[in-house]
Amino acid sequence: MSRLDDCREIVRQLWPYLDGALPDEWQVRVVAHLDACTNCTSHFDFARVFLEAIQRSGAVSLDVEPLRARVVAALEAEGMRAP
């Protein structure tokens, strides 16, 4: 697997990681990758700050997938691509 493929896979796992929904093996893999990759760390920092802002807003639901889907759709409508 190339470094870019590895980064893509880690970025895909950031939301489940932050939700505590990854198996232990994946949690270890994400942490190790983030320790070594500043590019992915910026994605992680954004996701963490975004979730903290949502939590502070009081608009948190137990099912965050619909919110995530709306955010991704809005970003894609603006011409951004999901990793």
Protein backbone atom coordinates (compact mmCIF):
# COMPACT_ATOMS: atom_id res chain seq x y z
CA MET A 1 0.00 0.00 0.00
CA SER A 2 1.40 3.41 -0.92
CA ARG A 3 1.80 6.21 1.58
CA LEU A 4 -1.06 8.10 -0.12
CA ASP A 5 -3.34 5.05 0.09
CA ASP A 6 -2.43 4.64 3.75
CA CYS A 7 -3.27 8.31 4.41
CA ARG A 8 -6.62 7.97 2.63
CA GLU A 9 -7.49 4.93 4.73
CA ILE A 10 -6.53 6.70 7.96
CA VAL A 11 -8.55 9.82 7.06
CA ARG A 12 -11.57 7.57 6.40
CA GLN A 13 -11.20 6.16 9.90
CA LEU A 14 -10.90 9.50 11.74
CA TRP A 15 -14.61 9.97 12.46
CA PRO A 16 -15.08 6.42 13.82
CA TYR A 17 -11.83 6.87 15.76
CA LEU A 18 -13.07 10.07 17.37
CA ASP A 19 -16.38 8.38 18.16
CA GLY A 20 -14.53 5.52 19.89
CA ALA A 21 -16.06 3.10 17.40
CA LEU A 22 -12.89 1.48 16.05
CA PRO A 23 -11.54 -1.88 17.14
CA ASP A 24 -8.38 -1.66 19.27
CA GLU A 25 -6.16 -2.74 16.34
CA TRP A 26 -7.39 0.17 14.22
CA GLN A 27 -7.13 2.65 17.10
CA VAL A 28 -3.46 1.75 17.48
CA ARG A 29 -2.94 2.06 13.72
CA VAL A 30 -4.59 5.50 13.58
CA VAL A 31 -2.57 6.82 16.54
CA ALA A 32 0.71 5.52 15.10
CA HIS A 33 -0.02 7.06 11.72
CA LEU A 34 -1.03 10.42 13.21
CA ASP A 35 2.20 10.48 15.23
CA ALA A 36 4.19 10.27 11.99
CA CYS A 37 2.07 12.14 9.43
CA THR A 38 1.53 15.89 9.73
CA ASN A 39 -0.77 15.89 6.69
CA CYS A 40 -3.22 13.54 8.38
CA THR A 41 -2.81 15.33 11.69
CA SER A 42 -4.37 18.42 10.12
CA HIS A 43 -7.40 16.32 9.08
CA PHE A 44 -7.61 14.92 12.59
CA ASP A 45 -7.40 18.38 14.16
CA PHE A 46 -10.21 19.65 11.93
CA ALA A 47 -12.44 16.66 12.71
CA ARG A 48 -11.79 16.96 16.46
CA VAL A 49 -12.49 20.71 16.56
CA PHE A 50 -15.58 20.28 14.36
CA LEU A 51 -17.02 17.62 16.68
CA GLU A 52 -16.23 19.73 19.75
CA ALA A 53 -18.10 22.68 18.19
CA ILE A 54 -21.10 20.48 17.40
CA GLN A 55 -21.12 19.15 20.97
CA ARG A 56 -20.94 22.66 22.43
CA SER A 57 -23.83 23.77 20.21
CA GLY A 58 -26.17 21.30 21.85
CA ALA A 59 -27.17 19.93 18.45
CA VAL A 60 -25.71 16.51 19.19
CA SER A 61 -27.66 13.40 18.43
CA LEU A 62 -26.57 9.87 19.22
CA ASP A 63 -26.62 9.18 15.48
CA VAL A 64 -24.06 11.57 13.94
CA GLU A 65 -24.07 9.86 10.53
CA PRO A 66 -26.95 11.97 9.12
CA LEU A 67 -25.12 15.15 10.17
CA ARG A 68 -21.86 13.90 8.66
CA ALA A 69 -23.66 13.03 5.41
CA ARG A 70 -25.18 16.53 5.20
CA VAL A 71 -21.81 18.17 5.84
CA VAL A 72 -20.07 16.02 3.22
CA ALA A 73 -22.86 16.73 0.70
CA ALA A 74 -22.57 20.48 1.33
CA LEU A 75 -18.79 20.37 0.88
CA GLU A 76 -19.12 18.35 -2.32
CA ALA A 77 -21.73 20.82 -3.63
CA GLU A 78 -19.04 23.50 -3.20
CA GLY A 79 -16.64 21.47 -5.33
CA MET A 80 -14.65 19.73 -2.59
CA ARG A 81 -14.06 15.99 -2.74
CA ALA A 82 -14.36 13.63 0.20
CA PRO A 83 -11.20 11.58 0.76
